[in-house]
């Protein structure tokens, strides 16, 4: 698993920085890592700042998912990605 984001906690403020090296697309792996980071943030405190590297928050959903066979796309969507 590649780390697509970093998580920092400072003075009660959790900062989640997306950085996939491109445009921070919402791939299944990015969504999974964001879920884990927000779960961690819930236990760390009330303030969370989501952001992205290189002045890019997110380009949106990873459309490359739709280049896969329909069964794979359906399973990815069911899994929340």
C-alpha atoms as a PDB file:
ATOM      1  CA  UNK A   1       0.000   0.000   0.000  1.00  0.00           C
ATOM      2  CA  UNK A   2       1.333   3.415  -0.961  1.00  0.00           C
ATOM      3  CA  UNK A   3       0.791   6.284   1.416  1.00  0.00           C
ATOM      4  CA  UNK A   4      -1.382   8.727  -0.491  1.00  0.00           C
ATOM      5  CA  UNK A   5      -1.730  11.107   2.404  1.00  0.00           C
ATOM      6  CA  UNK A   6      -0.051  12.322   5.552  1.00  0.00           C
ATOM      7  CA  UNK A   7      -1.623  12.921   8.928  1.00  0.00           C
ATOM      8  CA  UNK A   8      -0.284  15.452  11.413  1.00  0.00           C
ATOM      9  CA  UNK A   9      -1.626  16.468  14.805  1.00  0.00           C
ATOM     10  CA  UNK A  10      -0.493  19.760  16.301  1.00  0.00           C
ATOM     11  CA  UNK A  11      -2.121  21.672  19.155  1.00  0.00           C
ATOM     12  CA  UNK A  12      -5.326  19.664  18.800  1.00  0.00           C
ATOM     13  CA  UNK A  13      -5.632  20.292  15.048  1.00  0.00           C
ATOM     14  CA  UNK A  14      -5.432  17.278  12.734  1.00  0.00           C
ATOM     15  CA  UNK A  15      -4.190  18.034   9.221  1.00  0.00           C
ATOM     16  CA  UNK A  16      -4.792  15.475   6.475  1.00  0.00           C
ATOM     17  CA  UNK A  17      -2.747  16.204   3.343  1.00  0.00           C
ATOM     18  CA  UNK A  18      -3.579  14.288   0.154  1.00  0.00           C
ATOM     19  CA  UNK A  19      -0.595  13.717  -2.135  1.00  0.00           C
ATOM     20  CA  UNK A  20      -0.837  11.045  -4.810  1.00  0.00           C
ATOM     21  CA  UNK A  21       1.851  12.790  -6.872  1.00  0.00           C
ATOM     22  CA  UNK A  22      -0.699  13.913  -9.461  1.00  0.00           C
ATOM     23  CA  UNK A  23      -4.107  15.487  -8.890  1.00  0.00           C
ATOM     24  CA  UNK A  24      -5.232  13.658  -5.722  1.00  0.00           C
ATOM     25  CA  UNK A  25      -7.938  11.648  -7.453  1.00  0.00           C
ATOM     26  CA  UNK A  26     -10.479   9.816  -5.320  1.00  0.00           C
ATOM     27  CA  UNK A  27      -9.336   6.278  -6.060  1.00  0.00           C
ATOM     28  CA  UNK A  28     -10.460   3.331  -3.956  1.00  0.00           C
ATOM     29  CA  UNK A  29      -7.121   3.441  -2.111  1.00  0.00           C
ATOM     30  CA  UNK A  30      -7.328   7.207  -1.489  1.00  0.00           C
ATOM     31  CA  UNK A  31     -10.856   6.845  -0.116  1.00  0.00           C
ATOM     32  CA  UNK A  32      -9.763   3.979   2.126  1.00  0.00           C
ATOM     33  CA  UNK A  33      -6.846   6.005   3.501  1.00  0.00           C
ATOM     34  CA  UNK A  34      -9.071   9.067   4.005  1.00  0.00           C
ATOM     35  CA  UNK A  35     -11.589   6.935   5.920  1.00  0.00           C
ATOM     36  CA  UNK A  36      -8.804   5.731   8.220  1.00  0.00           C
ATOM     37  CA  UNK A  37      -7.418   9.257   8.685  1.00  0.00           C
ATOM     38  CA  UNK A  38     -10.826  10.733   9.550  1.00  0.00           C
ATOM     39  CA  UNK A  39     -11.460   7.867  11.986  1.00  0.00           C
ATOM     40  CA  UNK A  40      -8.156   8.701  13.679  1.00  0.00           C
ATOM     41  CA  UNK A  41      -9.031  12.411  13.698  1.00  0.00           C
ATOM     42  CA  UNK A  42     -12.341  11.732  15.474  1.00  0.00           C
ATOM     43  CA  UNK A  43     -10.414  10.364  18.427  1.00  0.00           C
ATOM     44  CA  UNK A  44      -7.712  13.069  18.326  1.00  0.00           C
ATOM     45  CA  UNK A  45      -9.908  16.140  18.583  1.00  0.00           C
ATOM     46  CA  UNK A  46     -12.640  18.289  17.088  1.00  0.00           C
ATOM     47  CA  UNK A  47     -10.663  20.171  14.401  1.00  0.00           C
ATOM     48  CA  UNK A  48      -9.680  18.556  11.085  1.00  0.00           C
ATOM     49  CA  UNK A  49      -8.140  20.370   8.116  1.00  0.00           C
ATOM     50  CA  UNK A  50      -8.202  18.333   4.885  1.00  0.00           C
ATOM     51  CA  UNK A  51      -5.954  19.731   2.154  1.00  0.00           C
ATOM     52  CA  UNK A  52      -3.844  18.721  -0.840  1.00  0.00           C
ATOM     53  CA  UNK A  53      -0.265  19.232  -2.003  1.00  0.00           C
ATOM     54  CA  UNK A  54       0.740  21.506  -4.860  1.00  0.00           C
ATOM     55  CA  UNK A  55      -2.364  23.726  -4.571  1.00  0.00           C
ATOM     56  CA  UNK A  56      -4.583  20.830  -5.696  1.00  0.00           C
ATOM     57  CA  UNK A  57      -7.252  19.629  -3.293  1.00  0.00           C
ATOM     58  CA  UNK A  58      -8.667  16.886  -5.526  1.00  0.00           C
ATOM     59  CA  UNK A  59      -9.508  16.378  -9.182  1.00  0.00           C
ATOM     60  CA  UNK A  60     -12.485  14.249  -8.133  1.00  0.00           C
ATOM     61  CA  UNK A  61     -13.349  10.607  -8.692  1.00  0.00           C
ATOM     62  CA  UNK A  62     -10.801   8.379 -10.440  1.00  0.00           C
ATOM     63  CA  UNK A  63     -12.439   7.853 -13.845  1.00  0.00           C
ATOM     64  CA  UNK A  64      -9.829   5.202 -14.717  1.00  0.00           C
ATOM     65  CA  UNK A  65     -11.950   2.824 -12.635  1.00  0.00           C
ATOM     66  CA  UNK A  66     -14.474   2.800 -15.476  1.00  0.00           C
ATOM     67  CA  UNK A  67     -11.870   1.403 -17.912  1.00  0.00           C
ATOM     68  CA  UNK A  68     -12.065  -1.908 -16.053  1.00  0.00           C
ATOM     69  CA  UNK A  69     -14.563  -4.726 -16.697  1.00  0.00           C
ATOM     70  CA  UNK A  70     -18.087  -3.952 -15.471  1.00  0.00           C
ATOM     71  CA  UNK A  71     -17.900  -6.517 -12.640  1.00  0.00           C
ATOM     72  CA  UNK A  72     -14.742  -4.872 -11.285  1.00  0.00           C
ATOM     73  CA  UNK A  73     -16.344  -1.418 -11.481  1.00  0.00           C
ATOM     74  CA  UNK A  74     -19.430  -2.685  -9.637  1.00  0.00           C
ATOM     75  CA  UNK A  75     -17.322  -4.253  -6.882  1.00  0.00           C
ATOM     76  CA  UNK A  76     -15.226  -1.089  -6.517  1.00  0.00           C
ATOM     77  CA  UNK A  77     -18.373   1.020  -6.173  1.00  0.00           C
ATOM     78  CA  UNK A  78     -19.865  -1.413  -3.620  1.00  0.00           C
ATOM     79  CA  UNK A  79     -16.661  -1.254  -1.582  1.00  0.00           C
ATOM     80  CA  UNK A  80     -16.995   2.507  -1.333  1.00  0.00           C
ATOM     81  CA  UNK A  81     -14.335   3.428  -3.823  1.00  0.00           C
END
